[in-house]
Amino acid sequence: MNHLILNRDFLLPDDGWYHIAPLGEFSHAGAGVIQVIDQEACIAMAARFAADANIPNFPGLLIDFDHFSLDGEKRSEAAGWILGLENRETGLWAQIRWSDLGEEAVKGGRYRFLSPVWARSDCVDLGDGRVRPVRILNAAVTNDPNLKGMVPLSNRSQESEFRSQNASVVDSQTLNRQANNQGDRNMKAVIEKLVNHLGLAADATEALILEKLGGLLSVTAVTELQNSLSALQGKHDVLIVNLKAVEGELVNRHLADFEGIVTEKTKGFWTEQLVANRQGTLTALAELATLRDTASGKQHETGAESTTRKPLHNRATARPVPPDQGNASPSTGSGSADGRAVKIRNRAHEICAAEKIPFGVAFRRAEREVVGGGQKAD
C-alpha cells in the first residue's frame, strides 16, 4: 500500500526532485515478470540518462498523464519533462520541470504519484522470471502506480517518515547505521565500475584513478571534436561533388575525341570504362582508332587502282614551275602537307604532356585542331 502524507496545500519541493522508483521487487502481472529495483538498477538508469543527456538538443524524458503516450488512440500531452536522474538510499529520484497542465494537476492534488516505464529490452534477465531495468524510457503521473511504496509527488519534506506498512519502527541509530552501510556499498559499486571502465587493476589507488580521470576528454572537448568532424565531413562531401563534375566533363571530352569509335549504343559502356580505368581505356580506344584508320587507308588504295591506272609521268599535263616559286621547298612551306604534319606532331606532344593521355589520343585531337583551324597549333 502507499502511504500518503496528507496536506491540503499539496506543496511541491523547492528543489524540483521527486521519488520515481522505490527499492524492492515488484510483480508485473501483464508482463509476467518480477521487477528488481535495487541500487545496481538505479545506478545504471542514472548513468544511462546522464549519457543520453550529453547528446545535443536532448529534450529530457517525457512525463505524460496515465501513460496515454503508450496508446496511439489517446492524447499524449506532456505533464512534465525529466531533466535529471539520481540514485539515492530510497531508490531513484528525478528532477522534473512541469508543464502548465502538469503543474496545475499536481498542485491541485489530481495526481499524487509517478509511474516509470522501461522497455523489456532495457532490462537484464536475472532468471526465474526476475528482471532488472537499466534504462528508464519515460514516466507518467498517476494515482495507481505499479511500484507500490513511492513517496507522493507533493509534501516530500517528511520523506524520513515514509515507511512500508509492514515495516517495523526502528530507532535513529539503526537508521543511521543502515544508511551508512548502504552508502558504502553504493560507493564501492561505483568505484568498481569506474576502475573497470578505466582499465585499471581492482586494487588501484585513489591517486591513480584521479590521474586517469584527469586524462579523459571533457564533454566540451568531445563536443568540439564532433563539431570539427561534422565540418570536415561537409567539406569532404562538397569536394566529392566537384570531383564527380570534373570527372564527368573529362569523360565527355574523351568520348568526343573518339567520336567515330564510340557510338550511341556503346557510349554507356565506354563511359563506365573511362571512370574505372581512364588510361587503359584511352589506350584501347586509340588502338581501335588506329586499326580503323589503317583499314580505311587500304580500302582507299585498292579502290584507286581499280578505277584509274595512270603512268608515273604524263607530259601532256605537265606544267612548268613559275620562276617566283623556284626557291620554295615543297616540304617546308607553311601550307604544305609536311608543314601541317610538323604542327600536328608538336601540338600532340603539348597535349600529351599537359593532360597525361596517350600520344595517339593527343595526336587525333591535334590533327583536328590544325586541319580545322590551324591557329591552336602555333
Foldseek 3Di string as FASTA:
>chain_A
DADADDDQQQAFDPQQKFWAAFADWFADVVVQAIEGFDQVQLVLAQVVQVVQLLPPPRPAAFAFAPPQVVPPVGDGDGQWGFPHWDQAPGGIMTRIDGDPVNVCCSSNPVFWHKEWDDDPVQWDDPDPRYTYGRHTRHMYTHRDYSRHQTHTRGDCPVVVVRDDPPDDDDDPVVVVVVRVVVVVVSVLVVVQVLCVVLVHDPPDDPVVSVVSVVPDDDSVRVVVVVVVVVVVVVVVVVVVVVVVVVLVVVLVVLCVLLVVVDDPVCSVVLSVVCVVPVQVSLVVSLVVVVVVVVVVVVVVVVVVVVPDDDDPDDVVPDDDDDPVCPPPDLLCDCPHPNNLVVLLQQQLVVCCVVPVHDSSSSSSVSNCCCVVPNPVSD
